[in-house]
Amino acid sequence: MNKFILLFCGAIVFSIASAQAQAPVPRADSVRDPIKQGDPAPDNVPSQAAYGKDMVEIKHKDVPAELRKTLSEDTYKGWENARLYKEKSGSGYLLEFQDPLKTRLYRFDKNGKLVKEKTSRDVQ
């Protein structure tokens, strides 16, 4: 009986010592590099992929005369530095100005006339 009590007390002491030897869980505010939740990196989508498969980028030398005349207006100043896309069906064009914080888009029909007013997307 004495051996049983001694063995039981030894097991309890060993259990308590093992429990106390465990490393404590660090508090959330004391962790060096916590994972930031809810703040994902911005999507960097290649500009042609953003407009779908129905558009192809064209070179400025391939711009038709009608559209070139429209682009000579002050509204589109600097269009030579922008990206120009043509719909594969030939029904229209898209002009994309990329500024550091905003992207401006202009759509034109096949005759070079503005179809839709300027749209812009903020870059986050």
N, C-alpha and C. Protein backbone atom coordinates (compact mmCIF):
# COMPACT_ATOMS: atom_id res chain seq x y z
N MET A 1 0.83 -1.18 0.00
CA MET A 1 0.00 0.00 0.00
C MET A 1 0.87 1.25 0.00
N ASN A 2 1.97 1.21 0.80
CA ASN A 2 2.87 2.35 0.84
C ASN A 2 3.50 2.60 -0.53
N LYS A 3 3.82 1.50 -1.24
CA LYS A 3 4.40 1.65 -2.56
C LYS A 3 3.40 2.30 -3.52
N PHE A 4 2.14 1.93 -3.38
CA PHE A 4 1.10 2.49 -4.25
C PHE A 4 0.94 3.99 -4.00
N ILE A 5 0.92 4.42 -2.73
CA ILE A 5 0.78 5.84 -2.39
C ILE A 5 2.02 6.61 -2.86
N LEU A 6 3.19 6.02 -2.66
CA LEU A 6 4.42 6.66 -3.09
C LEU A 6 4.46 6.81 -4.62
N LEU A 7 4.03 5.77 -5.32
CA LEU A 7 3.98 5.81 -6.78
C LEU A 7 2.96 6.85 -7.25
N PHE A 8 1.82 6.93 -6.59
CA PHE A 8 0.78 7.90 -6.94
C PHE A 8 1.28 9.33 -6.72
N CYS A 9 1.93 9.59 -5.59
CA CYS A 9 2.46 10.93 -5.30
C CYS A 9 3.56 11.30 -6.31
N GLY A 10 4.38 10.34 -6.68
CA GLY A 10 5.44 10.59 -7.66
C GLY A 10 4.85 10.94 -9.02
N ALA A 11 3.77 10.27 -9.40
CA ALA A 11 3.12 10.56 -10.67
C ALA A 11 2.52 11.96 -10.66
N ILE A 12 1.95 12.37 -9.56
CA ILE A 12 1.37 13.71 -9.45
C ILE A 12 2.47 14.77 -9.54
N VAL A 13 3.58 14.57 -8.83
CA VAL A 13 4.69 15.52 -8.86
C VAL A 13 5.25 15.61 -10.28
N PHE A 14 5.42 14.45 -10.93
CA PHE A 14 5.93 14.44 -12.30
C PHE A 14 4.97 15.17 -13.24
N SER A 15 3.66 14.99 -13.08
CA SER A 15 2.67 15.67 -13.92
C SER A 15 2.71 17.18 -13.74
N ILE A 16 2.81 17.62 -12.51
CA ILE A 16 2.86 19.06 -12.23
C ILE A 16 4.15 19.66 -12.80
N ALA A 17 5.27 18.96 -12.64
CA ALA A 17 6.54 19.46 -13.15
C ALA A 17 6.51 19.54 -14.68
N SER A 18 5.90 18.56 -15.31
CA SER A 18 5.80 18.57 -16.78
C SER A 18 4.92 19.71 -17.26
N ALA A 19 3.83 19.95 -16.57
CA ALA A 19 2.92 21.02 -16.96
C ALA A 19 3.59 22.39 -16.80
N GLN A 20 4.38 22.57 -15.76
CA GLN A 20 5.05 23.84 -15.52
C GLN A 20 6.22 24.07 -16.48
N ALA A 21 6.77 23.00 -17.02
CA ALA A 21 7.92 23.12 -17.92
C ALA A 21 7.52 23.54 -19.33
N GLN A 22 6.25 23.53 -19.64
CA GLN A 22 5.79 23.92 -20.98
C GLN A 22 6.04 25.40 -21.21
N ALA A 23 6.41 25.77 -22.45
CA ALA A 23 6.62 27.18 -22.80
C ALA A 23 5.27 27.88 -22.86
N PRO A 24 5.19 29.07 -22.31
CA PRO A 24 3.90 29.78 -22.36
C PRO A 24 3.59 30.25 -23.78
N VAL A 25 2.33 30.38 -24.07
CA VAL A 25 1.88 30.88 -25.37
C VAL A 25 2.09 32.39 -25.38
N PRO A 26 2.78 32.92 -26.40
CA PRO A 26 3.01 34.37 -26.41
C PRO A 26 1.71 35.13 -26.64
N ARG A 27 1.63 36.28 -26.04
CA ARG A 27 0.46 37.13 -26.26
C ARG A 27 0.53 37.71 -27.66
N ALA A 28 -0.61 38.01 -28.23
CA ALA A 28 -0.67 38.48 -29.62
C ALA A 28 0.09 39.78 -29.83
N ASP A 29 0.11 40.65 -28.84
CA ASP A 29 0.79 41.93 -29.02
C ASP A 29 2.30 41.84 -28.80
N SER A 30 2.79 40.68 -28.38
CA SER A 30 4.23 40.53 -28.16
C SER A 30 4.92 39.74 -29.27
N VAL A 31 4.18 39.28 -30.26
CA VAL A 31 4.76 38.53 -31.37
C VAL A 31 5.47 39.51 -32.29
N ARG A 32 6.67 39.16 -32.77
CA ARG A 32 7.46 40.08 -33.59
C ARG A 32 6.79 40.44 -34.91
N ASP A 33 6.43 39.47 -35.70
CA ASP A 33 5.85 39.72 -37.02
C ASP A 33 4.46 39.08 -37.11
N PRO A 34 3.45 39.74 -36.57
CA PRO A 34 2.12 39.13 -36.65
C PRO A 34 1.60 39.13 -38.08
N ILE A 35 0.76 38.19 -38.38
CA ILE A 35 0.14 38.12 -39.70
C ILE A 35 -0.99 39.13 -39.74
N LYS A 36 -0.96 39.99 -40.75
CA LYS A 36 -1.99 41.02 -40.86
C LYS A 36 -3.16 40.45 -41.63
N GLN A 37 -4.29 40.42 -41.00
CA GLN A 37 -5.50 39.89 -41.62
C GLN A 37 -6.27 41.00 -42.30
N GLY A 38 -6.88 40.71 -43.43
CA GLY A 38 -7.77 41.66 -44.08
C GLY A 38 -7.08 42.75 -44.87
N ASP A 39 -5.79 42.64 -45.13
CA ASP A 39 -5.10 43.65 -45.90
C ASP A 39 -4.31 42.98 -47.03
N PRO A 40 -5.03 42.42 -48.01
CA PRO A 40 -4.32 41.69 -49.06
C PRO A 40 -3.56 42.63 -49.98
N ALA A 41 -2.60 42.10 -50.66
CA ALA A 41 -1.83 42.88 -51.63
C ALA A 41 -2.72 43.22 -52.82
N PRO A 42 -2.52 44.38 -53.43
CA PRO A 42 -3.35 44.73 -54.58
C PRO A 42 -3.07 43.80 -55.75
N ASP A 43 -4.10 43.57 -56.54
CA ASP A 43 -3.95 42.74 -57.72
C ASP A 43 -3.25 43.53 -58.81
N ASN A 44 -2.23 42.97 -59.35
CA ASN A 44 -1.53 43.59 -60.47
C ASN A 44 -1.84 42.78 -61.71
N VAL A 45 -2.93 43.13 -62.33
CA VAL A 45 -3.37 42.41 -63.52
C VAL A 45 -2.75 43.06 -64.74
N PRO A 46 -2.16 42.28 -65.63
CA PRO A 46 -1.67 42.90 -66.86
C PRO A 46 -2.79 43.62 -67.57
N SER A 47 -2.52 44.81 -68.09
CA SER A 47 -3.59 45.65 -68.60
C SER A 47 -4.38 45.00 -69.73
N GLN A 48 -3.77 44.22 -70.60
CA GLN A 48 -4.54 43.61 -71.68
C GLN A 48 -5.49 42.55 -71.13
N ALA A 49 -5.09 41.83 -70.09
CA ALA A 49 -5.94 40.80 -69.51
C ALA A 49 -7.18 41.41 -68.87
N ALA A 50 -7.09 42.66 -68.41
CA ALA A 50 -8.21 43.30 -67.74
C ALA A 50 -9.36 43.59 -68.70
N TYR A 51 -9.10 43.66 -69.99
CA TYR A 51 -10.14 44.02 -70.95
C TYR A 51 -10.67 42.83 -71.72
N GLY A 52 -10.21 41.67 -71.40
CA GLY A 52 -10.75 40.48 -72.01
C GLY A 52 -10.00 40.04 -73.25
N LYS A 53 -10.45 38.92 -73.75
CA LYS A 53 -9.79 38.31 -74.89
C LYS A 53 -10.23 38.91 -76.22
N ASP A 54 -11.23 39.76 -76.18
CA ASP A 54 -11.75 40.31 -77.44
C ASP A 54 -11.02 41.57 -77.90
N MET A 55 -9.91 41.94 -77.24
CA MET A 55 -9.17 43.14 -77.62
C MET A 55 -7.70 42.81 -77.79
N VAL A 56 -7.07 43.47 -78.75
CA VAL A 56 -5.64 43.32 -78.98
C VAL A 56 -5.00 44.70 -79.00
N GLU A 57 -3.80 44.78 -78.48
CA GLU A 57 -3.10 46.07 -78.47
C GLU A 57 -2.57 46.36 -79.87
N ILE A 58 -2.72 47.61 -80.30
CA ILE A 58 -2.22 47.99 -81.62
C ILE A 58 -1.15 49.07 -81.45
N LYS A 59 -0.29 49.16 -82.44
CA LYS A 59 0.77 50.17 -82.43
C LYS A 59 0.21 51.49 -82.91
N HIS A 60 0.82 52.56 -82.49
CA HIS A 60 0.32 53.90 -82.82
C HIS A 60 0.40 54.19 -84.32
N LYS A 61 1.32 53.56 -85.00
CA LYS A 61 1.41 53.77 -86.45
C LYS A 61 0.26 53.11 -87.20
N ASP A 62 -0.45 52.17 -86.54
CA ASP A 62 -1.57 51.46 -87.17
C ASP A 62 -2.92 52.11 -86.89
N VAL A 63 -2.93 53.27 -86.25
CA VAL A 63 -4.18 53.95 -85.91
C VAL A 63 -4.80 54.52 -87.18
N PRO A 64 -6.10 54.22 -87.44
CA PRO A 64 -6.74 54.75 -88.64
C PRO A 64 -6.85 56.28 -88.60
N ALA A 65 -6.97 56.88 -89.77
CA ALA A 65 -7.00 58.34 -89.89
C ALA A 65 -8.16 58.97 -89.12
N GLU A 66 -9.34 58.32 -89.15
CA GLU A 66 -10.51 58.89 -88.44
C GLU A 66 -10.25 58.97 -86.94
N LEU A 67 -9.69 57.90 -86.39
CA LEU A 67 -9.41 57.89 -84.96
C LEU A 67 -8.26 58.84 -84.63
N ARG A 68 -7.28 58.92 -85.49
CA ARG A 68 -6.15 59.83 -85.28
C ARG A 68 -6.63 61.28 -85.22
N LYS A 69 -7.63 61.61 -86.05
CA LYS A 69 -8.20 62.97 -86.05
C LYS A 69 -8.86 63.26 -84.70
N THR A 70 -9.63 62.29 -84.19
CA THR A 70 -10.29 62.46 -82.88
C THR A 70 -9.24 62.60 -81.78
N LEU A 71 -8.21 61.80 -81.84
CA LEU A 71 -7.18 61.81 -80.79
C LEU A 71 -6.33 63.08 -80.81
N SER A 72 -6.43 63.86 -81.86
CA SER A 72 -5.66 65.11 -81.92
C SER A 72 -6.28 66.21 -81.05
N GLU A 73 -7.48 65.98 -80.52
CA GLU A 73 -8.12 66.96 -79.63
C GLU A 73 -7.35 67.06 -78.31
N ASP A 74 -7.52 68.19 -77.62
CA ASP A 74 -6.81 68.42 -76.36
C ASP A 74 -7.16 67.41 -75.28
N THR A 75 -8.38 66.87 -75.32
CA THR A 75 -8.80 65.90 -74.30
C THR A 75 -7.87 64.69 -74.27
N TYR A 76 -7.37 64.31 -75.41
CA TYR A 76 -6.55 63.10 -75.53
C TYR A 76 -5.07 63.43 -75.69
N LYS A 77 -4.67 64.60 -75.24
CA LYS A 77 -3.28 65.03 -75.36
C LYS A 77 -2.37 64.00 -74.68
N GLY A 78 -1.33 63.60 -75.39
CA GLY A 78 -0.40 62.60 -74.87
C GLY A 78 -0.82 61.17 -75.17
N TRP A 79 -1.77 60.99 -76.10
CA TRP A 79 -2.26 59.65 -76.41
C TRP A 79 -1.15 58.76 -76.97
N GLU A 80 -0.10 59.36 -77.50
CA GLU A 80 1.01 58.58 -78.05
C GLU A 80 1.71 57.76 -76.97
N ASN A 81 1.60 58.20 -75.71
CA ASN A 81 2.22 57.49 -74.60
C ASN A 81 1.26 56.52 -73.92
N ALA A 82 0.02 56.48 -74.38
CA ALA A 82 -0.99 55.60 -73.79
C ALA A 82 -1.05 54.29 -74.58
N ARG A 83 -1.82 53.34 -74.06
CA ARG A 83 -2.02 52.06 -74.75
C ARG A 83 -3.31 52.15 -75.55
N LEU A 84 -3.29 51.58 -76.73
CA LEU A 84 -4.45 51.60 -77.60
C LEU A 84 -4.79 50.16 -77.98
N TYR A 85 -6.07 49.80 -77.81
CA TYR A 85 -6.53 48.45 -78.10
C TYR A 85 -7.60 48.50 -79.19
N LYS A 86 -7.66 47.45 -79.97
CA LYS A 86 -8.68 47.31 -81.00
C LYS A 86 -9.46 46.04 -80.72
N GLU A 87 -10.79 46.13 -80.86
CA GLU A 87 -11.60 44.93 -80.68
C GLU A 87 -11.35 44.00 -81.86
N LYS A 88 -11.28 42.71 -81.58
CA LYS A 88 -11.01 41.74 -82.64
C LYS A 88 -12.07 41.76 -83.73
N SER A 89 -13.29 42.11 -83.34
CA SER A 89 -14.37 42.17 -84.32
C SER A 89 -14.27 43.40 -85.21
N GLY A 90 -13.40 44.35 -84.83
CA GLY A 90 -13.23 45.57 -85.61
C GLY A 90 -14.27 46.63 -85.33
N SER A 91 -15.05 46.45 -84.27
CA SER A 91 -16.15 47.38 -84.00
C SER A 91 -15.77 48.57 -83.13
N GLY A 92 -14.54 48.61 -82.62
CA GLY A 92 -14.19 49.75 -81.79
C GLY A 92 -12.77 49.71 -81.27
N TYR A 93 -12.44 50.78 -80.53
CA TYR A 93 -11.11 50.96 -79.97
C TYR A 93 -11.22 51.37 -78.52
N LEU A 94 -10.15 51.15 -77.78
CA LEU A 94 -10.08 51.55 -76.38
C LEU A 94 -8.73 52.22 -76.16
N LEU A 95 -8.76 53.42 -75.57
CA LEU A 95 -7.54 54.16 -75.24
C LEU A 95 -7.38 54.14 -73.73
N GLU A 96 -6.20 53.74 -73.26
CA GLU A 96 -5.96 53.61 -71.82
C GLU A 96 -4.77 54.48 -71.41
N PHE A 97 -5.06 55.49 -70.58
CA PHE A 97 -4.02 56.32 -69.98
C PHE A 97 -3.75 55.77 -68.59
N GLN A 98 -2.51 55.44 -68.28
CA GLN A 98 -2.17 54.94 -66.95
C GLN A 98 -1.35 55.98 -66.21
N ASP A 99 -1.97 56.58 -65.20
CA ASP A 99 -1.28 57.50 -64.30
C ASP A 99 -0.89 56.71 -63.06
N PRO A 100 -0.02 57.26 -62.21
CA PRO A 100 0.38 56.52 -61.02
C PRO A 100 -0.80 56.13 -60.11
N LEU A 101 -1.83 56.97 -60.03
CA LEU A 101 -2.93 56.68 -59.13
C LEU A 101 -4.26 56.42 -59.82
N LYS A 102 -4.34 56.62 -61.11
CA LYS A 102 -5.63 56.49 -61.79
C LYS A 102 -5.41 56.00 -63.21
N THR A 103 -6.34 55.20 -63.70
CA THR A 103 -6.33 54.76 -65.09
C THR A 103 -7.55 55.35 -65.77
N ARG A 104 -7.33 56.08 -66.87
CA ARG A 104 -8.44 56.68 -67.63
C ARG A 104 -8.66 55.88 -68.90
N LEU A 105 -9.93 55.59 -69.19
CA LEU A 105 -10.28 54.81 -70.37
C LEU A 105 -11.23 55.59 -71.25
N TYR A 106 -11.01 55.52 -72.55
CA TYR A 106 -11.89 56.13 -73.54
C TYR A 106 -12.22 55.07 -74.58
N ARG A 107 -13.51 54.96 -74.93
CA ARG A 107 -13.93 54.01 -75.96
C ARG A 107 -14.38 54.77 -77.21
N PHE A 108 -14.01 54.22 -78.35
CA PHE A 108 -14.35 54.82 -79.64
C PHE A 108 -14.97 53.76 -80.54
N ASP A 109 -15.86 54.20 -81.45
CA ASP A 109 -16.42 53.26 -82.42
C ASP A 109 -15.44 53.09 -83.57
N LYS A 110 -15.82 52.29 -84.57
CA LYS A 110 -14.90 52.00 -85.68
C LYS A 110 -14.62 53.23 -86.54
N ASN A 111 -15.47 54.28 -86.42
CA ASN A 111 -15.27 55.52 -87.17
C ASN A 111 -14.46 56.55 -86.38
N GLY A 112 -14.01 56.19 -85.18
CA GLY A 112 -13.20 57.09 -84.38
C GLY A 112 -13.98 58.04 -83.50
N LYS A 113 -15.28 57.86 -83.38
CA LYS A 113 -16.12 58.73 -82.54
C LYS A 113 -16.19 58.17 -81.13
N LEU A 114 -16.18 59.08 -80.14
CA LEU A 114 -16.27 58.68 -78.74
C LEU A 114 -17.60 57.99 -78.49
N VAL A 115 -17.56 56.78 -77.95
CA VAL A 115 -18.77 56.01 -77.70
C VAL A 115 -19.26 56.23 -76.28
N LYS A 116 -18.38 56.19 -75.35
CA LYS A 116 -18.75 56.24 -73.95
C LYS A 116 -17.87 57.29 -73.30
N GLU A 117 -18.45 58.04 -72.40
CA GLU A 117 -17.66 59.05 -71.71
C GLU A 117 -16.50 58.40 -70.98
N LYS A 118 -15.54 59.20 -70.67
CA LYS A 118 -14.34 58.76 -69.98
C LYS A 118 -14.72 58.02 -68.70
N THR A 119 -14.07 56.90 -68.46
CA THR A 119 -14.20 56.19 -67.20
C THR A 119 -12.83 56.13 -66.57
N SER A 120 -12.80 56.07 -65.27
CA SER A 120 -11.50 55.98 -64.61
C SER A 120 -11.60 55.01 -63.46
N ARG A 121 -10.49 54.36 -63.18
CA ARG A 121 -10.39 53.42 -62.07
C ARG A 121 -9.28 53.89 -61.16
N ASP A 122 -9.57 53.96 -59.87
CA ASP A 122 -8.53 54.32 -58.92
C ASP A 122 -7.66 53.11 -58.67
N VAL A 123 -6.38 53.33 -58.62
CA VAL A 123 -5.44 52.27 -58.30
C VAL A 123 -5.23 52.31 -56.79
N GLN A 124 -5.47 51.20 -56.13
CA GLN A 124 -5.35 51.16 -54.68
C GLN A 124 -3.97 50.75 -54.28
